[in-house]
Structures are given as structure tokens and as C-alpha cells.
């Protein structure tokens, strides 16, 4: 049975002077879960904590019931794609996609087959020998996704994956994400600033404000459900309070 569940329990994580608090969060296998919030609220910190990138002040993060800190990296079955794609500039598109396979010791013939499959799936076979500096933003995004998915992860983490794309390319990438999810059946957690993107792609949405997870709701209820005042204001669902008049 394919895994991919995520549970966050009483998590406190500190990065410099910033602290993120998530008391409870569960993401089901195969779910697409969006994280929205203010700039600097801790959305990327949450993604990296789920990936096991750093120690927690307190609490636990469980992947299929196992503490992420106790799992060797190769057993976490996870891929992460950052906003800037983080492609190796000195490697071709094909070599970027195959990098993780080489590090995992996958046989050369098998690695070549899997890279070829990814190139075909993402429609980038024609740029296989090009380098990141001379491909478009959409092609770079597809390459980064292919590099993450070639390892067949159970969990895919995406940090603002579409924010730098033009509207037409962005719409195409939305469909690509849906296709990827349907084919690979992986759990997807993605960060976005775009409420419409969150509500159209995700099944549920988490809202992070002030370094804490404030609310989680079904995506279709993001603009219908009542939330705490600060969440409502963040969503633009009521005007900010007017300043009090100062008496002379």
C-alpha cells in the first residue's frame, strides 16, 4: 500500500530569531495540500521541517507514522522543488534529472530509461542536452519537477512552484501538476501566495500567519467559512479597522 501521510504534532522550530509553531496538522496519502500565508510567516520553514532539514525545538513530524528525524534521507521517499528550481548550471537538463539516480546508485541502463521517461512525460526531450542558463522558466520548472519525481517519491514538496511564470505557462503547469498527481499518486504539499491557485489545485488549505498555523479548511470553503479576525483580514474578506479619531 502506498504511503505518504504527514503528521505534525506540537512542533516548535526556531530559525535564528524566527519561531514557527504548528500544534497539529495531518495530511493524508495522495492529498494535495496548499499552504498560504504572509511573506516571512514560515511557509518554507514548514516545508523544510517536513523534509527533516533541521532539528525541532519540540514536537514531532511523522511520515507514515515514523519520526522524520529517525529516517535516513534515502528512506524518506520525498522530493522538494524550490521557487528558484536550484538546477545545477554546469549540468544538462538530462544530467540534472538523473543526478539523484546516480547518487542512489541506480544502474546506468535503468537510470537512462527513467530519465528518458521523465523527459518524454514533461515534454522536454528536445532540450535534454541544453543547460539551465538557456532554457525558459517553464522548461526549468518542468526539469526541476522531473528531477524530483524520477526518484518516485511518496511526498512532493513545492515551494511557490509557479510564482515566477507568466499566466499562460502557469495555467499549463497547473495541468502538469494535476497530471503528475494522477500518474504518480504522491502526496503534494505546496506553498503559494495565490488564493485562487490554492483553492483550484488543492483539496485543503492551511493558513500560516505570525509564525503559527492559524487555520485549515477544505479548499472550496476558503472564502465561505468564518475564521478568526486576522485570518479574515488576510483573506481580504473584511476591511481593516479604521483608526480611532484623536480628540483635540
Protein backbone atom coordinates (compact mmCIF):
# COMPACT_ATOMS: atom_id res chain seq x y z
CA UNK A 1 0.00 0.00 0.00
CA UNK A 2 1.43 3.36 -1.00
CA UNK A 3 2.25 5.71 1.89
CA UNK A 4 2.66 9.44 2.03
CA UNK A 5 0.92 10.55 5.22
CA UNK A 6 2.31 13.50 7.19
CA UNK A 7 1.57 14.31 10.82
CA UNK A 8 2.89 17.35 12.66
CA UNK A 9 2.46 17.22 16.43
CA UNK A 10 3.26 20.11 18.77
CA UNK A 11 6.04 21.40 16.52
CA UNK A 12 8.19 24.35 17.51
CA UNK A 13 11.10 25.18 15.22
CA UNK A 14 13.46 28.13 15.51
CA UNK A 15 15.50 29.63 12.66
CA UNK A 16 17.55 32.50 14.04
CA UNK A 17 15.14 34.86 15.79
CA UNK A 18 12.11 33.38 13.99
CA UNK A 19 9.93 30.67 15.54
CA UNK A 20 7.22 28.64 13.80
CA UNK A 21 4.54 26.86 15.82
CA UNK A 22 2.28 24.14 14.41
CA UNK A 23 0.28 22.40 17.11
CA UNK A 24 -1.40 19.85 14.87
CA UNK A 25 -1.52 19.12 11.16
CA UNK A 26 -2.33 15.92 9.28
CA UNK A 27 -2.00 15.41 5.54
CA UNK A 28 -3.43 12.21 4.06
CA UNK A 29 -1.73 9.99 1.47
CA UNK A 30 -2.33 11.27 -2.09
CA UNK A 31 -3.77 14.57 -0.83
CA UNK A 32 -2.86 17.88 -2.45
CA UNK A 33 -2.42 20.37 0.40
CA UNK A 34 -1.72 24.08 -0.05
CA UNK A 35 -0.04 26.42 2.42
CA UNK A 36 -0.78 30.14 2.19
CA UNK A 37 0.35 33.00 4.39
CA UNK A 38 2.13 36.31 4.71
CA UNK A 39 5.66 36.79 3.42
CA UNK A 40 8.00 35.62 6.17
CA UNK A 41 5.26 33.77 8.04
CA UNK A 42 7.15 30.45 7.94
CA UNK A 43 5.70 28.59 4.97
CA UNK A 44 9.07 27.45 3.60
CA UNK A 45 10.28 26.65 7.13
CA UNK A 46 7.34 24.24 7.46
CA UNK A 47 8.21 22.55 4.16
CA UNK A 48 11.85 22.15 5.18
CA UNK A 49 10.87 20.87 8.63
CA UNK A 50 8.67 18.21 6.97
CA UNK A 51 11.69 17.27 4.86
CA UNK A 52 13.71 16.79 8.05
CA UNK A 53 16.14 19.57 7.14
CA UNK A 54 16.77 20.74 10.69
CA UNK A 55 16.16 19.94 14.35
CA UNK A 56 12.94 20.90 16.14
CA UNK A 57 12.76 22.77 19.42
CA UNK A 58 9.90 20.46 20.39
CA UNK A 59 7.28 18.17 18.90
CA UNK A 60 7.42 15.57 16.14
CA UNK A 61 6.90 15.21 12.43
CA UNK A 62 5.81 11.74 11.35
CA UNK A 63 5.96 10.30 7.85
CA UNK A 64 3.72 7.25 7.68
CA UNK A 65 3.93 7.08 11.47
CA UNK A 66 7.74 7.28 11.65
CA UNK A 67 9.64 10.26 13.05
CA UNK A 68 11.35 12.00 10.12
CA UNK A 69 14.47 12.60 12.24
CA UNK A 70 14.92 8.84 12.66
CA UNK A 71 14.67 8.10 8.94
CA UNK A 72 17.81 8.19 6.77
CA UNK A 73 17.38 10.61 3.85
CA UNK A 74 17.05 7.78 1.31
CA UNK A 75 14.15 6.29 3.28
CA UNK A 76 12.09 9.47 3.43
CA UNK A 77 10.81 8.96 -0.15
CA UNK A 78 10.45 12.68 -0.61
CA UNK A 79 11.19 15.27 -3.30
CA UNK A 80 11.37 19.04 -2.88
CA UNK A 81 11.30 21.74 -5.55
CA UNK A 82 12.17 25.33 -4.70
CA UNK A 83 10.94 28.52 -6.34
CA UNK A 84 14.33 29.13 -7.98
CA UNK A 85 14.44 25.48 -9.20
CA UNK A 86 18.03 25.01 -7.84
CA UNK A 87 19.20 23.31 -11.05
CA UNK A 88 22.91 22.62 -11.42
CA UNK A 89 24.10 25.19 -14.00
CA UNK A 90 27.02 23.02 -15.18
CA UNK A 91 24.79 20.02 -15.96
CA UNK A 92 22.48 19.47 -18.92
CA UNK A 93 18.75 19.04 -18.41
CA UNK A 94 19.11 15.25 -18.70
CA UNK A 95 22.02 15.16 -16.25
CA UNK A 96 20.09 17.31 -13.77
CA UNK A 97 17.18 14.89 -13.89
CA UNK A 98 19.44 11.87 -13.47
CA UNK A 99 21.57 13.31 -10.66
CA UNK A 100 19.57 11.75 -7.82
CA UNK A 101 19.57 8.37 -9.53
CA UNK A 102 23.35 8.42 -9.77
CA UNK A 103 23.65 9.37 -6.10
CA UNK A 104 21.31 6.50 -5.21
CA UNK A 105 23.45 4.03 -7.14
CA UNK A 106 20.79 3.12 -9.69
CA UNK A 107 22.24 1.05 -12.54
CA UNK A 108 23.23 3.12 -15.58
CA UNK A 109 20.78 1.47 -18.01
CA UNK A 110 17.89 1.78 -15.56
CA UNK A 111 18.76 5.40 -14.81
CA UNK A 112 18.88 6.23 -18.54
CA UNK A 113 15.46 4.64 -19.05
CA UNK A 114 13.91 6.57 -16.18
CA UNK A 115 15.43 9.86 -17.31
CA UNK A 116 14.11 9.27 -20.84
CA UNK A 117 10.64 8.58 -19.39
CA UNK A 118 10.73 11.88 -17.46
CA UNK A 119 11.91 13.85 -20.48
CA UNK A 120 9.01 12.43 -22.50
CA UNK A 121 6.43 12.89 -19.74
CA UNK A 122 7.28 16.56 -19.23
CA UNK A 123 7.69 17.33 -22.92
CA UNK A 124 11.32 18.41 -22.60
CA UNK A 125 13.13 15.70 -24.60
CA UNK A 126 14.07 18.34 -27.18
CA UNK A 127 16.11 20.27 -24.59
CA UNK A 128 17.75 17.25 -22.94
CA UNK A 129 21.29 18.42 -23.80
CA UNK A 130 20.75 22.11 -23.07
CA UNK A 131 21.95 23.82 -19.91
CA UNK A 132 19.73 25.67 -17.39
CA UNK A 133 21.04 29.08 -18.42
CA UNK A 134 19.47 28.84 -21.88
CA UNK A 135 16.05 27.34 -21.17
CA UNK A 136 12.79 29.12 -20.33
CA UNK A 137 11.24 29.43 -16.88
CA UNK A 138 8.58 26.86 -17.73
CA UNK A 139 11.20 24.43 -19.02
CA UNK A 140 13.27 24.94 -15.88
CA UNK A 141 10.20 24.24 -13.74
CA UNK A 142 9.46 21.05 -15.66
CA UNK A 143 13.08 19.97 -15.30
CA UNK A 144 13.00 20.55 -11.55
CA UNK A 145 9.77 18.57 -11.21
CA UNK A 146 11.19 15.76 -13.34
CA UNK A 147 14.33 15.65 -11.18
CA UNK A 148 12.20 15.31 -8.05
CA UNK A 149 9.80 12.73 -9.50
CA UNK A 150 12.37 10.47 -11.17
CA UNK A 151 13.13 9.11 -7.69
CA UNK A 152 9.45 8.11 -7.36
CA UNK A 153 8.79 9.94 -4.08
CA UNK A 154 5.71 9.35 -1.96
CA UNK A 155 5.69 13.01 -0.89
CA UNK A 156 6.37 16.01 -3.16
CA UNK A 157 7.07 19.40 -1.54
CA UNK A 158 6.81 22.50 -3.74
CA UNK A 159 7.88 25.99 -2.61
CA UNK A 160 5.95 28.57 -4.66
CA UNK A 161 6.47 26.48 -7.80
CA UNK A 162 4.59 28.73 -10.22
CA UNK A 163 5.13 32.26 -8.90
CA UNK A 164 7.77 33.27 -11.47
CA UNK A 165 5.84 32.02 -14.50
CA UNK A 166 3.75 34.05 -16.94
CA UNK A 167 -0.03 33.43 -16.81
CA UNK A 168 -0.14 31.14 -19.87
CA UNK A 169 2.76 28.97 -18.71
CA UNK A 170 1.30 28.95 -15.19
CA UNK A 171 -2.00 27.50 -16.44
CA UNK A 172 -0.11 24.80 -18.32
CA UNK A 173 1.86 23.94 -15.19
CA UNK A 174 -1.37 23.64 -13.21
CA UNK A 175 -2.45 20.90 -15.59
CA UNK A 176 1.01 19.34 -15.41
CA UNK A 177 0.71 19.15 -11.62
CA UNK A 178 -2.70 17.50 -11.91
CA UNK A 179 -1.30 15.01 -14.42
CA UNK A 180 1.71 14.28 -12.20
CA UNK A 181 -0.52 13.71 -9.21
CA UNK A 182 -2.76 11.38 -11.17
CA UNK A 183 0.13 9.35 -12.56
CA UNK A 184 2.39 9.11 -9.51
CA UNK A 185 -0.21 9.17 -6.75
CA UNK A 186 2.11 11.09 -4.45
CA UNK A 187 1.10 13.40 -1.63
CA UNK A 188 1.69 17.02 -2.67
CA UNK A 189 2.26 19.93 -0.27
CA UNK A 190 2.81 23.28 -1.96
CA UNK A 191 3.34 26.87 -0.84
CA UNK A 192 1.63 29.68 -2.72
CA UNK A 193 0.67 33.35 -2.34
CA UNK A 194 -2.17 32.91 -4.83
CA UNK A 195 -5.52 32.16 -3.17
CA UNK A 196 -7.09 31.09 -6.46
CA UNK A 197 -4.18 28.73 -7.12
CA UNK A 198 -4.63 27.19 -3.68
CA UNK A 199 -8.38 26.78 -4.00
CA UNK A 200 -8.28 25.37 -7.54
CA UNK A 201 -5.40 22.90 -7.14
CA UNK A 202 -5.59 21.76 -3.52
CA UNK A 203 -8.06 19.67 -1.59
CA UNK A 204 -7.33 21.52 1.65
CA UNK A 205 -5.57 24.74 2.58
CA UNK A 206 -3.55 25.68 5.66
CA UNK A 207 -3.11 29.34 6.62
CA UNK A 208 0.07 30.47 8.39
CA UNK A 209 0.18 33.92 9.98
CA UNK A 210 2.53 35.35 12.58
CA UNK A 211 4.66 32.22 12.75
CA UNK A 212 1.77 29.87 13.54
CA UNK A 213 -0.69 27.66 11.68
CA UNK A 214 -3.93 29.53 12.25
CA UNK A 215 -6.48 27.50 10.26
CA UNK A 216 -7.01 24.52 7.97
CA UNK A 217 -10.07 24.11 5.78
CA UNK A 218 -11.31 22.43 2.58
CA UNK A 219 -10.16 24.47 -0.40
CA UNK A 220 -13.73 25.11 -1.52
CA UNK A 221 -14.56 26.76 1.81
CA UNK A 222 -11.64 29.22 1.86
CA UNK A 223 -13.94 32.14 1.05
CA UNK A 224 -17.05 30.81 2.76
CA UNK A 225 -16.04 29.66 6.24
CA UNK A 226 -15.71 32.05 9.19
CA UNK A 227 -12.22 32.40 10.67
CA UNK A 228 -10.51 34.44 13.35
CA UNK A 229 -10.38 38.18 12.53
CA UNK A 230 -6.70 38.19 11.50
CA UNK A 231 -7.31 35.32 9.08
CA UNK A 232 -10.37 37.04 7.62
CA UNK A 233 -8.35 40.22 7.14
CA UNK A 234 -5.51 38.30 5.46
CA UNK A 235 -8.01 36.77 3.04
CA UNK A 236 -9.37 40.24 2.27
CA UNK A 237 -12.81 39.33 3.47
CA UNK A 238 -13.39 42.42 5.56
CA UNK A 239 -11.78 45.85 5.63
CA UNK A 240 -9.09 46.67 8.12
CA UNK A 241 -10.45 48.59 11.12
CA UNK A 242 -10.37 52.36 10.79
CA UNK A 243 -8.04 54.23 13.14
CA UNK A 244 -9.71 55.88 16.08
CA UNK A 245 -10.21 59.59 15.88
CA UNK A 246 -7.91 61.55 18.15
CA UNK A 247 -9.76 64.17 20.18
CA UNK A 248 -8.28 67.62 20.24
